[in-house]
Full PDB file with SEQRES, HELIX, SHEET, SSBOND, CRYST1, ORIGX, SCALE, CONECT and MASTER records, all heavy atoms in Angstrom:
SEQRES   1 A   40  PRO GLY LYS GLN ARG GLU LEU VAL ALA THR ILE ASP SER          
SEQRES   2 A   40  GLY SER THR ILE GLN TYR ALA ASP SER VAL LYS GLY ARG          
SEQRES   3 A   40  PHE THR PHE SER ARG ASP ASN ALA LYS ASN THR VAL TYR          
SEQRES   4 A   40  LEU                                                          
HELIX    1 AA1 ASN A   33  LYS A   35  5                                   3    
SHEET    1 AA1 2 ALA A   9  ILE A  11  0                                        
SHEET    2 AA1 2 ILE A  17  TYR A  19 -1                                        
SHEET    1 AA2 2 SER A  30  ASP A  32  0                                        
SHEET    2 AA2 2 THR A  37  TYR A  39 -1                                        
CRYST1    1.000    1.000    1.000  90.00  90.00  90.00 P 1           1          
ORIGX1      1.000000  0.000000  0.000000        0.00000                         
ORIGX2      0.000000  1.000000  0.000000        0.00000                         
ORIGX3      0.000000  0.000000  1.000000        0.00000                         
SCALE1      1.000000  0.000000  0.000000        0.00000                         
SCALE2      0.000000  1.000000  0.000000        0.00000                         
SCALE3      0.000000  0.000000  1.000000        0.00000                         
ATOM      1  N   PRO A   1      76.354 115.533 133.902  1.00  0.00           N  
ATOM      2  CA  PRO A   1      75.012 115.886 134.367  1.00  0.00           C  
ATOM      3  C   PRO A   1      74.538 117.210 133.774  1.00  0.00           C  
ATOM      4  O   PRO A   1      75.266 118.204 133.782  1.00  0.00           O  
ATOM      5  CB  PRO A   1      75.171 115.985 135.880  1.00  0.00           C  
ATOM      6  CG  PRO A   1      76.320 115.086 136.193  1.00  0.00           C  
ATOM      7  CD  PRO A   1      77.263 115.244 135.031  1.00  0.00           C  
ATOM      8  N   GLY A   2      73.329 117.213 133.249  1.00  0.00           N  
ATOM      9  CA  GLY A   2      72.755 118.410 132.680  1.00  0.00           C  
ATOM     10  C   GLY A   2      73.260 118.782 131.309  1.00  0.00           C  
ATOM     11  O   GLY A   2      72.870 119.834 130.791  1.00  0.00           O  
ATOM     12  N   LYS A   3      74.105 117.960 130.720  1.00  0.00           N  
ATOM     13  CA  LYS A   3      74.656 118.249 129.407  1.00  0.00           C  
ATOM     14  C   LYS A   3      74.317 117.130 128.432  1.00  0.00           C  
ATOM     15  O   LYS A   3      74.021 116.006 128.823  1.00  0.00           O  
ATOM     16  CB  LYS A   3      76.170 118.429 129.473  1.00  0.00           C  
ATOM     17  CG  LYS A   3      76.631 119.574 130.346  1.00  0.00           C  
ATOM     18  CD  LYS A   3      78.133 119.758 130.274  1.00  0.00           C  
ATOM     19  CE  LYS A   3      78.584 120.190 128.888  1.00  0.00           C  
ATOM     20  NZ  LYS A   3      80.055 120.451 128.837  1.00  0.00           N  
ATOM     21  N   GLN A   4      74.369 117.467 127.150  1.00  0.00           N  
ATOM     22  CA  GLN A   4      74.140 116.474 126.120  1.00  0.00           C  
ATOM     23  C   GLN A   4      75.335 115.538 125.998  1.00  0.00           C  
ATOM     24  O   GLN A   4      76.470 115.913 126.301  1.00  0.00           O  
ATOM     25  CB  GLN A   4      73.889 117.158 124.770  1.00  0.00           C  
ATOM     26  CG  GLN A   4      72.638 118.009 124.713  1.00  0.00           C  
ATOM     27  CD  GLN A   4      72.440 118.629 123.339  1.00  0.00           C  
ATOM     28  OE1 GLN A   4      73.117 118.287 122.379  1.00  0.00           O  
ATOM     29  NE2 GLN A   4      71.491 119.539 123.252  1.00  0.00           N  
ATOM     30  N   ARG A   5      75.054 114.329 125.558  1.00  0.00           N  
ATOM     31  CA  ARG A   5      76.140 113.403 125.284  1.00  0.00           C  
ATOM     32  C   ARG A   5      76.951 113.925 124.102  1.00  0.00           C  
ATOM     33  O   ARG A   5      76.392 114.341 123.085  1.00  0.00           O  
ATOM     34  CB  ARG A   5      75.584 112.013 124.988  1.00  0.00           C  
ATOM     35  CG  ARG A   5      76.643 110.936 124.848  1.00  0.00           C  
ATOM     36  CD  ARG A   5      76.025 109.547 124.782  1.00  0.00           C  
ATOM     37  NE  ARG A   5      75.278 109.228 125.993  1.00  0.00           N  
ATOM     38  CZ  ARG A   5      74.730 108.040 126.236  1.00  0.00           C  
ATOM     39  NH1 ARG A   5      74.844 107.053 125.349  1.00  0.00           N  
ATOM     40  NH2 ARG A   5      74.055 107.839 127.357  1.00  0.00           N  
ATOM     41  N   GLU A   6      78.264 113.910 124.234  1.00  0.00           N  
ATOM     42  CA  GLU A   6      79.127 114.448 123.201  1.00  0.00           C  
ATOM     43  C   GLU A   6      80.165 113.433 122.766  1.00  0.00           C  
ATOM     44  O   GLU A   6      80.614 112.587 123.549  1.00  0.00           O  
ATOM     45  CB  GLU A   6      79.822 115.728 123.679  1.00  0.00           C  
ATOM     46  CG  GLU A   6      80.774 115.526 124.839  1.00  0.00           C  
ATOM     47  CD  GLU A   6      81.503 116.790 125.239  1.00  0.00           C  
ATOM     48  OE1 GLU A   6      81.445 117.784 124.483  1.00  0.00           O  
ATOM     49  OE2 GLU A   6      82.132 116.797 126.314  1.00  0.00           O  
ATOM     50  N   LEU A   7      80.554 113.537 121.518  1.00  0.00           N  
ATOM     51  CA  LEU A   7      81.579 112.673 120.957  1.00  0.00           C  
ATOM     52  C   LEU A   7      82.949 113.112 121.446  1.00  0.00           C  
ATOM     53  O   LEU A   7      83.290 114.291 121.391  1.00  0.00           O  
ATOM     54  CB  LEU A   7      81.513 112.718 119.431  1.00  0.00           C  
ATOM     55  CG  LEU A   7      82.548 111.890 118.670  1.00  0.00           C  
ATOM     56  CD1 LEU A   7      82.342 110.403 118.929  1.00  0.00           C  
ATOM     57  CD2 LEU A   7      82.463 112.180 117.179  1.00  0.00           C  
ATOM     58  N   VAL A   8      83.736 112.150 121.903  1.00  0.00           N  
ATOM     59  CA  VAL A   8      85.093 112.410 122.360  1.00  0.00           C  
ATOM     60  C   VAL A   8      86.110 112.054 121.287  1.00  0.00           C  
ATOM     61  O   VAL A   8      87.007 112.841 120.972  1.00  0.00           O  
ATOM     62  CB  VAL A   8      85.396 111.643 123.657  1.00  0.00           C  
ATOM     63  CG1 VAL A   8      86.853 111.835 124.081  1.00  0.00           C  
ATOM     64  CG2 VAL A   8      84.452 112.076 124.769  1.00  0.00           C  
ATOM     65  N   ALA A   9      85.984 110.859 120.723  1.00  0.00           N  
ATOM     66  CA  ALA A   9      86.926 110.395 119.715  1.00  0.00           C  
ATOM     67  C   ALA A   9      86.320 109.226 118.966  1.00  0.00           C  
ATOM     68  O   ALA A   9      85.464 108.513 119.492  1.00  0.00           O  
ATOM     69  CB  ALA A   9      88.260 109.976 120.349  1.00  0.00           C  
ATOM     70  N   THR A  10      86.769 109.017 117.735  1.00  0.00           N  
ATOM     71  CA  THR A  10      86.334 107.879 116.931  1.00  0.00           C  
ATOM     72  C   THR A  10      87.536 107.223 116.274  1.00  0.00           C  
ATOM     73  O   THR A  10      88.553 107.870 116.019  1.00  0.00           O  
ATOM     74  CB  THR A  10      85.335 108.285 115.829  1.00  0.00           C  
ATOM     75  OG1 THR A  10      85.944 109.222 114.938  1.00  0.00           O  
ATOM     76  CG2 THR A  10      84.078 108.891 116.427  1.00  0.00           C  
ATOM     77  N   ILE A  11      87.394 105.928 115.986  1.00  0.00           N  
ATOM     78  CA  ILE A  11      88.393 105.194 115.233  1.00  0.00           C  
ATOM     79  C   ILE A  11      87.666 104.294 114.251  1.00  0.00           C  
ATOM     80  O   ILE A  11      86.649 103.681 114.586  1.00  0.00           O  
ATOM     81  CB  ILE A  11      89.328 104.388 116.160  1.00  0.00           C  
ATOM     82  CG1 ILE A  11      90.482 103.779 115.368  1.00  0.00           C  
ATOM     83  CG2 ILE A  11      88.561 103.320 116.929  1.00  0.00           C  
ATOM     84  CD1 ILE A  11      91.591 103.227 116.258  1.00  0.00           C  
ATOM     85  N   ASP A  12      88.173 104.223 113.020  1.00  0.00           N  
ATOM     86  CA  ASP A  12      87.556 103.374 112.024  1.00  0.00           C  
ATOM     87  C   ASP A  12      88.424 102.152 111.750  1.00  0.00           C  
ATOM     88  O   ASP A  12      89.469 101.956 112.371  1.00  0.00           O  
ATOM     89  CB  ASP A  12      87.247 104.161 110.741  1.00  0.00           C  
ATOM     90  CG  ASP A  12      88.483 104.688 110.034  1.00  0.00           C  
ATOM     91  OD1 ASP A  12      89.597 104.186 110.276  1.00  0.00           O  
ATOM     92  OD2 ASP A  12      88.330 105.621 109.219  1.00  0.00           O  
ATOM     93  N   SER A  13      87.983 101.325 110.799  1.00  0.00           N  
ATOM     94  CA  SER A  13      88.686 100.081 110.517  1.00  0.00           C  
ATOM     95  C   SER A  13      90.078 100.310 109.953  1.00  0.00           C  
ATOM     96  O   SER A  13      90.924  99.408 110.038  1.00  0.00           O  
ATOM     97  CB  SER A  13      87.867  99.221 109.551  1.00  0.00           C  
ATOM     98  OG  SER A  13      87.621  99.908 108.337  1.00  0.00           O  
ATOM     99  N   GLY A  14      90.322 101.469 109.377  1.00  0.00           N  
ATOM    100  CA  GLY A  14      91.639 101.819 108.886  1.00  0.00           C  
ATOM    101  C   GLY A  14      92.493 102.535 109.910  1.00  0.00           C  
ATOM    102  O   GLY A  14      93.540 103.075 109.557  1.00  0.00           O  
ATOM    103  N   SER A  15      92.034 102.566 111.148  1.00  0.00           N  
ATOM    104  CA  SER A  15      92.743 103.175 112.275  1.00  0.00           C  
ATOM    105  C   SER A  15      92.840 104.691 112.164  1.00  0.00           C  
ATOM    106  O   SER A  15      93.713 105.305 112.781  1.00  0.00           O  
ATOM    107  CB  SER A  15      94.139 102.576 112.438  1.00  0.00           C  
ATOM    108  OG  SER A  15      94.056 101.192 112.721  1.00  0.00           O  
ATOM    109  N   THR A  16      91.960 105.299 111.389  1.00  0.00           N  
ATOM    110  CA  THR A  16      91.882 106.751 111.344  1.00  0.00           C  
ATOM    111  C   THR A  16      91.160 107.239 112.590  1.00  0.00           C  
ATOM    112  O   THR A  16      90.044 106.804 112.879  1.00  0.00           O  
ATOM    113  CB  THR A  16      91.147 107.223 110.093  1.00  0.00           C  
ATOM    114  OG1 THR A  16      91.861 106.786 108.927  1.00  0.00           O  
ATOM    115  CG2 THR A  16      91.038 108.740 110.073  1.00  0.00           C  
ATOM    116  N   ILE A  17      91.785 108.143 113.314  1.00  0.00           N  
ATOM    117  CA  ILE A  17      91.268 108.616 114.586  1.00  0.00           C  
ATOM    118  C   ILE A  17      90.958 110.099 114.493  1.00  0.00           C  
ATOM    119  O   ILE A  17      91.741 110.873 113.942  1.00  0.00           O  
ATOM    120  CB  ILE A  17      92.276 108.368 115.720  1.00  0.00           C  
ATOM    121  CG1 ILE A  17      92.599 106.875 115.827  1.00  0.00           C  
ATOM    122  CG2 ILE A  17      91.735 108.897 117.046  1.00  0.00           C  
ATOM    123  CD1 ILE A  17      93.742 106.562 116.756  1.00  0.00           C  
ATOM    124  N   GLN A  18      89.821 110.474 115.029  1.00  0.00           N  
ATOM    125  CA  GLN A  18      89.440 111.872 115.144  1.00  0.00           C  
ATOM    126  C   GLN A  18      89.100 112.176 116.591  1.00  0.00           C  
ATOM    127  O   GLN A  18      88.460 111.375 117.261  1.00  0.00           O  
ATOM    128  CB  GLN A  18      88.256 112.198 114.234  1.00  0.00           C  
ATOM    129  CG  GLN A  18      88.559 112.071 112.746  1.00  0.00           C  
ATOM    130  CD  GLN A  18      87.393 112.468 111.877  1.00  0.00           C  
ATOM    131  OE1 GLN A  18      86.237 112.154 112.197  1.00  0.00           O  
ATOM    132  NE2 GLN A  18      87.676 113.162 110.784  1.00  0.00           N  
ATOM    133  N   TYR A  19      89.518 113.345 117.063  1.00  0.00           N  
ATOM    134  CA  TYR A  19      89.295 113.763 118.430  1.00  0.00           C  
ATOM    135  C   TYR A  19      88.489 115.044 118.467  1.00  0.00           C  
ATOM    136  O   TYR A  19      88.611 115.900 117.586  1.00  0.00           O  
ATOM    137  CB  TYR A  19      90.612 114.026 119.149  1.00  0.00           C  
ATOM    138  CG  TYR A  19      91.510 112.829 119.299  1.00  0.00           C  
ATOM    139  CD1 TYR A  19      92.528 112.578 118.382  1.00  0.00           C  
ATOM    140  CD2 TYR A  19      91.351 111.957 120.364  1.00  0.00           C  
ATOM    141  CE1 TYR A  19      93.360 111.481 118.526  1.00  0.00           C  
ATOM    142  CE2 TYR A  19      92.181 110.856 120.518  1.00  0.00           C  
ATOM    143  CZ  TYR A  19      93.181 110.623 119.595  1.00  0.00           C  
ATOM    144  OH  TYR A  19      94.007 109.534 119.741  1.00  0.00           O  
ATOM    145  N   ALA A  20      87.696 115.183 119.507  1.00  0.00           N  
ATOM    146  CA  ALA A  20      87.071 116.462 119.772  1.00  0.00           C  
ATOM    147  C   ALA A  20      88.147 117.482 120.124  1.00  0.00           C  
ATOM    148  O   ALA A  20      89.171 117.144 120.723  1.00  0.00           O  
ATOM    149  CB  ALA A  20      86.068 116.337 120.910  1.00  0.00           C  
ATOM    150  N   ASP A  21      87.913 118.734 119.760  1.00  0.00           N  
ATOM    151  CA  ASP A  21      88.899 119.776 120.028  1.00  0.00           C  
ATOM    152  C   ASP A  21      89.236 119.883 121.511  1.00  0.00           C  
ATOM    153  O   ASP A  21      90.377 120.185 121.874  1.00  0.00           O  
ATOM    154  CB  ASP A  21      88.397 121.124 119.512  1.00  0.00           C  
ATOM    155  CG  ASP A  21      88.393 121.217 118.003  1.00  0.00           C  
ATOM    156  OD1 ASP A  21      89.086 120.414 117.345  1.00  0.00           O  
ATOM    157  OD2 ASP A  21      87.688 122.097 117.470  1.00  0.00           O  
ATOM    158  N   SER A  22      88.267 119.620 122.365  1.00  0.00           N  
ATOM    159  CA  SER A  22      88.464 119.780 123.792  1.00  0.00           C  
ATOM    160  C   SER A  22      89.447 118.778 124.393  1.00  0.00           C  
ATOM    161  O   SER A  22      89.946 118.997 125.498  1.00  0.00           O  
ATOM    162  CB  SER A  22      87.124 119.682 124.525  1.00  0.00           C  
ATOM    163  OG  SER A  22      86.509 118.432 124.289  1.00  0.00           O  
ATOM    164  N   VAL A  23      89.726 117.675 123.683  1.00  0.00           N  
ATOM    165  CA  VAL A  23      90.607 116.647 124.235  1.00  0.00           C  
ATOM    166  C   VAL A  23      91.864 116.437 123.402  1.00  0.00           C  
ATOM    167  O   VAL A  23      92.730 115.646 123.806  1.00  0.00           O  
ATOM    168  CB  VAL A  23      89.872 115.301 124.400  1.00  0.00           C  
ATOM    169  CG1 VAL A  23      88.604 115.482 125.224  1.00  0.00           C  
ATOM    170  CG2 VAL A  23      89.548 114.680 123.048  1.00  0.00           C  
ATOM    171  N   LYS A  24      91.996 117.123 122.291  1.00  0.00           N  
ATOM    172  CA  LYS A  24      93.180 116.963 121.450  1.00  0.00           C  
ATOM    173  C   LYS A  24      94.448 117.279 122.232  1.00  0.00           C  
ATOM    174  O   LYS A  24      94.521 118.264 122.951  1.00  0.00           O  
ATOM    175  CB  LYS A  24      93.092 117.866 120.219  1.00  0.00           C  
ATOM    176  CG  LYS A  24      92.158 117.374 119.138  1.00  0.00           C  
ATOM    177  CD  LYS A  24      92.168 118.304 117.935  1.00  0.00           C  
ATOM    178  CE  LYS A  24      91.255 117.795 116.837  1.00  0.00           C  
ATOM    179  NZ  LYS A  24      91.208 118.728 115.687  1.00  0.00           N  
ATOM    180  N   GLY A  25      95.441 116.420 122.071  1.00  0.00           N  
ATOM    181  CA  GLY A  25      96.695 116.590 122.773  1.00  0.00           C  
ATOM    182  C   GLY A  25      96.720 116.001 124.158  1.00  0.00           C  
ATOM    183  O   GLY A  25      97.800 115.908 124.756  1.00  0.00           O  
ATOM    184  N   ARG A  26      95.567 115.620 124.688  1.00  0.00           N  
ATOM    185  CA  ARG A  26      95.490 115.058 126.031  1.00  0.00           C  
ATOM    186  C   ARG A  26      95.018 113.604 126.040  1.00  0.00           C  
ATOM    187  O   ARG A  26      95.452 112.826 126.888  1.00  0.00           O  
ATOM    188  CB  ARG A  26      94.551 115.888 126.909  1.00  0.00           C  
ATOM    189  CG  ARG A  26      94.982 117.340 127.064  1.00  0.00           C  
ATOM    190  CD  ARG A  26      94.136 118.072 128.100  1.00  0.00           C  
ATOM    191  NE  ARG A  26      92.721 118.117 127.716  1.00  0.00           N  
ATOM    192  CZ  ARG A  26      91.737 117.561 128.417  1.00  0.00           C  
ATOM    193  NH1 ARG A  26      91.991 116.921 129.546  1.00  0.00           N  
ATOM    194  NH2 ARG A  26      90.483 117.666 127.997  1.00  0.00           N  
ATOM    195  N   PHE A  27      94.131 113.249 125.117  1.00  0.00           N  
ATOM    196  CA  PHE A  27      93.569 111.902 125.057  1.00  0.00           C  
ATOM    197  C   PHE A  27      94.146 111.161 123.863  1.00  0.00           C  
ATOM    198  O   PHE A  27      94.402 111.758 122.809  1.00  0.00           O  
ATOM    199  CB  PHE A  27      92.051 111.943 124.915  1.00  0.00           C  
ATOM    200  CG  PHE A  27      91.304 112.416 126.137  1.00  0.00           C  
ATOM    201  CD1 PHE A  27      91.953 112.978 127.215  1.00  0.00           C  
ATOM    202  CD2 PHE A  27      89.925 112.289 126.185  1.00  0.00           C  
ATOM    203  CE1 PHE A  27      91.261 113.417 128.332  1.00  0.00           C  
ATOM    204  CE2 PHE A  27      89.214 112.719 127.292  1.00  0.00           C  
ATOM    205  CZ  PHE A  27      89.883 113.281 128.372  1.00  0.00           C  
ATOM    206  N   THR A  28      94.312 109.853 124.013  1.00  0.00           N  
ATOM    207  CA  THR A  28      94.820 109.012 122.945  1.00  0.00           C  
ATOM    208  C   THR A  28      93.935 107.781 122.801  1.00  0.00           C  
ATOM    209  O   THR A  28      93.735 107.042 123.764  1.00  0.00           O  
ATOM    210  CB  THR A  28      96.267 108.575 123.204  1.00  0.00           C  
ATOM    211  OG1 THR A  28      97.097 109.726 123.395  1.00  0.00           O  
ATOM    212  CG2 THR A  28      96.796 107.776 122.012  1.00  0.00           C  
ATOM    213  N   PHE A  29      93.424 107.559 121.608  1.00  0.00           N  
ATOM    214  CA  PHE A  29      92.545 106.452 121.284  1.00  0.00           C  
ATOM    215  C   PHE A  29      93.390 105.370 120.596  1.00  0.00           C  
ATOM    216  O   PHE A  29      94.128 105.671 119.655  1.00  0.00           O  
ATOM    217  CB  PHE A  29      91.449 106.942 120.344  1.00  0.00           C  
ATOM    218  CG  PHE A  29      90.224 106.083 120.217  1.00  0.00           C  
ATOM    219  CD1 PHE A  29      89.098 106.582 119.579  1.00  0.00           C  
ATOM    220  CD2 PHE A  29      90.169 104.799 120.714  1.00  0.00           C  
ATOM    221  CE1 PHE A  29      87.956 105.812 119.446  1.00  0.00           C  
ATOM    222  CE2 PHE A  29      89.039 104.013 120.588  1.00  0.00           C  
ATOM    223  CZ  PHE A  29      87.925 104.529 119.947  1.00  0.00           C  
ATOM    224  N   SER A  30      93.282 104.131 121.055  1.00  0.00           N  
ATOM    225  CA  SER A  30      94.013 103.038 120.431  1.00  0.00           C  
ATOM    226  C   SER A  30      93.143 101.793 120.373  1.00  0.00           C  
ATOM    227  O   SER A  30      92.105 101.707 121.033  1.00  0.00           O  
ATOM    228  CB  SER A  30      95.326 102.747 121.177  1.00  0.00           C  
ATOM    229  OG  SER A  30      95.071 102.340 122.512  1.00  0.00           O  
ATOM    230  N   ARG A  31      93.582 100.823 119.582  1.00  0.00           N  
ATOM    231  CA  ARG A  31      92.802  99.611 119.357  1.00  0.00           C  
ATOM    232  C   ARG A  31      93.713  98.399 119.351  1.00  0.00           C  
ATOM    233  O   ARG A  31      94.799  98.430 118.773  1.00  0.00           O  
ATOM    234  CB  ARG A  31      92.053  99.735 118.019  1.00  0.00           C  
ATOM    235  CG  ARG A  31      91.229  98.528 117.613  1.00  0.00           C  
ATOM    236  CD  ARG A  31      90.505  98.800 116.304  1.00  0.00           C  
ATOM    237  NE  ARG A  31      91.435  99.018 115.208  1.00  0.00           N  
ATOM    238  CZ  ARG A  31      91.102  99.551 114.049  1.00  0.00           C  
ATOM    239  NH1 ARG A  31      89.843  99.953 113.844  1.00  0.00           N  
ATOM    240  NH2 ARG A  31      92.011  99.705 113.099  1.00  0.00           N  
ATOM    241  N   ASP A  32      93.263  97.341 119.992  1.00  0.00           N  
ATOM    242  CA  ASP A  32      93.955  96.060 119.983  1.00  0.00           C  
ATOM    243  C   ASP A  32      92.993  95.048 119.379  1.00  0.00           C  
ATOM    244  O   ASP A  32      92.118  94.519 120.063  1.00  0.00           O  
ATOM    245  CB  ASP A  32      94.370  95.649 121.391  1.00  0.00           C  
ATOM    246  CG  ASP A  32      95.231  94.403 121.409  1.00  0.00           C  
ATOM    247  OD1 ASP A  32      95.204  93.630 120.446  1.00  0.00           O  
ATOM    248  OD2 ASP A  32      95.947  94.196 122.418  1.00  0.00           O  
ATOM    249  N   ASN A  33      93.155  94.785 118.090  1.00  0.00           N  
ATOM    250  CA  ASN A  33      92.227  93.897 117.401  1.00  0.00           C  
ATOM    251  C   ASN A  33      92.271  92.468 117.947  1.00  0.00           C  
ATOM    252  O   ASN A  33      91.247  91.783 117.979  1.00  0.00           O  
ATOM    253  CB  ASN A  33      92.526  93.881 115.899  1.00  0.00           C  
ATOM    254  CG  ASN A  33      92.137  95.163 115.216  1.00  0.00           C  
ATOM    255  OD1 ASN A  33      91.254  95.891 115.671  1.00  0.00           O  
ATOM    256  ND2 ASN A  33      92.780  95.458 114.090  1.00  0.00           N  
ATOM    257  N   ALA A  34      93.443  92.018 118.365  1.00  0.00           N  
ATOM    258  CA  ALA A  34      93.570  90.667 118.879  1.00  0.00           C  
ATOM    259  C   ALA A  34      92.738  90.463 120.134  1.00  0.00           C  
ATOM    260  O   ALA A  34      92.258  89.354 120.397  1.00  0.00           O  
ATOM    261  CB  ALA A  34      95.029  90.335 119.153  1.00  0.00           C  
ATOM    262  N   LYS A  35      92.563  91.512 120.919  1.00  0.00           N  
ATOM    263  CA  LYS A  35      91.782  91.433 122.151  1.00  0.00           C  
ATOM    264  C   LYS A  35      90.376  91.986 121.995  1.00  0.00           C  
ATOM    265  O   LYS A  35      89.624  92.014 122.971  1.00  0.00           O  
ATOM    266  CB  LYS A  35      92.498  92.182 123.269  1.00  0.00           C  
ATOM    267  CG  LYS A  35      93.837  91.584 123.662  1.00  0.00           C  
ATOM    268  CD  LYS A  35      94.448  92.350 124.816  1.00  0.00           C  
ATOM    269  CE  LYS A  35      95.752  91.724 125.256  1.00  0.00           C  
ATOM    270  NZ  LYS A  35      96.359  92.443 126.393  1.00  0.00           N  
ATOM    271  N   ASN A  36      90.027  92.441 120.799  1.00  0.00           N  
ATOM    272  CA  ASN A  36      88.722  93.066 120.563  1.00  0.00           C  
ATOM    273  C   ASN A  36      88.456  94.171 121.582  1.00  0.00           C  
ATOM    274  O   ASN A  36      87.352  94.286 122.130  1.00  0.00           O  
ATOM    275  CB  ASN A  36      87.603  92.021 120.587  1.00  0.00           C  
ATOM    276  CG  ASN A  36      87.645  91.093 119.395  1.00  0.00           C  
ATOM    277  OD1 ASN A  36      87.881  91.519 118.272  1.00  0.00           O  
ATOM    278  ND2 ASN A  36      87.405  89.809 119.644  1.00  0.00           N  
ATOM    279  N   THR A  37      89.460  94.978 121.817  1.00  0.00           N  
ATOM    280  CA  THR A  37      89.393  95.999 122.845  1.00  0.00           C  
ATOM    281  C   THR A  37      89.950  97.315 122.313  1.00  0.00           C  
ATOM    282  O   THR A  37      90.938  97.321 121.576  1.00  0.00           O  
ATOM    283  CB  THR A  37      90.177  95.576 124.093  1.00  0.00           C  
ATOM    284  OG1 THR A  37      89.634  94.355 124.607  1.00  0.00           O  
ATOM    285  CG2 THR A  37      90.111  96.640 125.176  1.00  0.00           C  
ATOM    286  N   VAL A  38      89.303  98.408 122.680  1.00  0.00           N  
ATOM    287  CA  VAL A  38      89.833  99.731 122.412  1.00  0.00           C  
ATOM    288  C   VAL A  38      90.097 100.425 123.735  1.00  0.00           C  
ATOM    289  O   VAL A  38      89.507 100.086 124.766  1.00  0.00           O  
ATOM    290  CB  VAL A  38      88.894 100.588 121.535  1.00  0.00           C  
ATOM    291  CG1 VAL A  38      88.700  99.944 120.169  1.00  0.00           C  
ATOM    292  CG2 VAL A  38      87.550 100.801 122.229  1.00  0.00           C  
ATOM    293  N   TYR A  39      90.989 101.408 123.697  1.00  0.00           N  
ATOM    294  CA  TYR A  39      91.415 102.101 124.893  1.00  0.00           C  
ATOM    295  C   TYR A  39      91.338 103.601 124.675  1.00  0.00           C  
ATOM    296  O   TYR A  39      91.515 104.101 123.564  1.00  0.00           O  
ATOM    297  CB  TYR A  39      92.855 101.727 125.260  1.00  0.00           C  
ATOM    298  CG  TYR A  39      93.082 100.245 125.403  1.00  0.00           C  
ATOM    299  CD1 TYR A  39      93.509  99.484 124.321  1.00  0.00           C  
ATOM    300  CD2 TYR A  39      92.868  99.607 126.619  1.00  0.00           C  
ATOM    301  CE1 TYR A  39      93.718  98.120 124.444  1.00  0.00           C  
ATOM    302  CE2 TYR A  39      93.074  98.252 126.756  1.00  0.00           C  
ATOM    303  CZ  TYR A  39      93.501  97.512 125.666  1.00  0.00           C  
ATOM    304  OH  TYR A  39      93.706  96.160 125.801  1.00  0.00           O  
ATOM    305  N   LEU A  40      91.104 104.304 125.747  1.00  0.00           N  
ATOM    306  CA  LEU A  40      91.177 105.753 125.744  1.00  0.00           C  
ATOM    307  C   LEU A  40      92.108 106.172 126.876  1.00  0.00           C  
ATOM    308  O   LEU A  40      91.739 106.099 128.050  1.00  0.00           O  
ATOM    309  CB  LEU A  40      89.801 106.388 125.918  1.00  0.00           C  
ATOM    310  CG  LEU A  40      89.748 107.909 125.784  1.00  0.00           C  
ATOM    311  CD1 LEU A  40      90.058 108.332 124.349  1.00  0.00           C  
ATOM    312  CD2 LEU A  40      88.387 108.444 126.217  1.00  0.00           C  
TER     313      LEU A  40                                                      
MASTER        0    0    0    1    4    0    0    6  312    1    0    4          
END                                                                             
């Protein structure tokens, strides 16, 4: 509330993941292509 939407993490088709500095070491981004689902 009251803040701009911010990027937390991204993943590309090559499974390259980038995290915002504020969540590095705490959040983990993963992908399950068979289920067409990503997880945080």
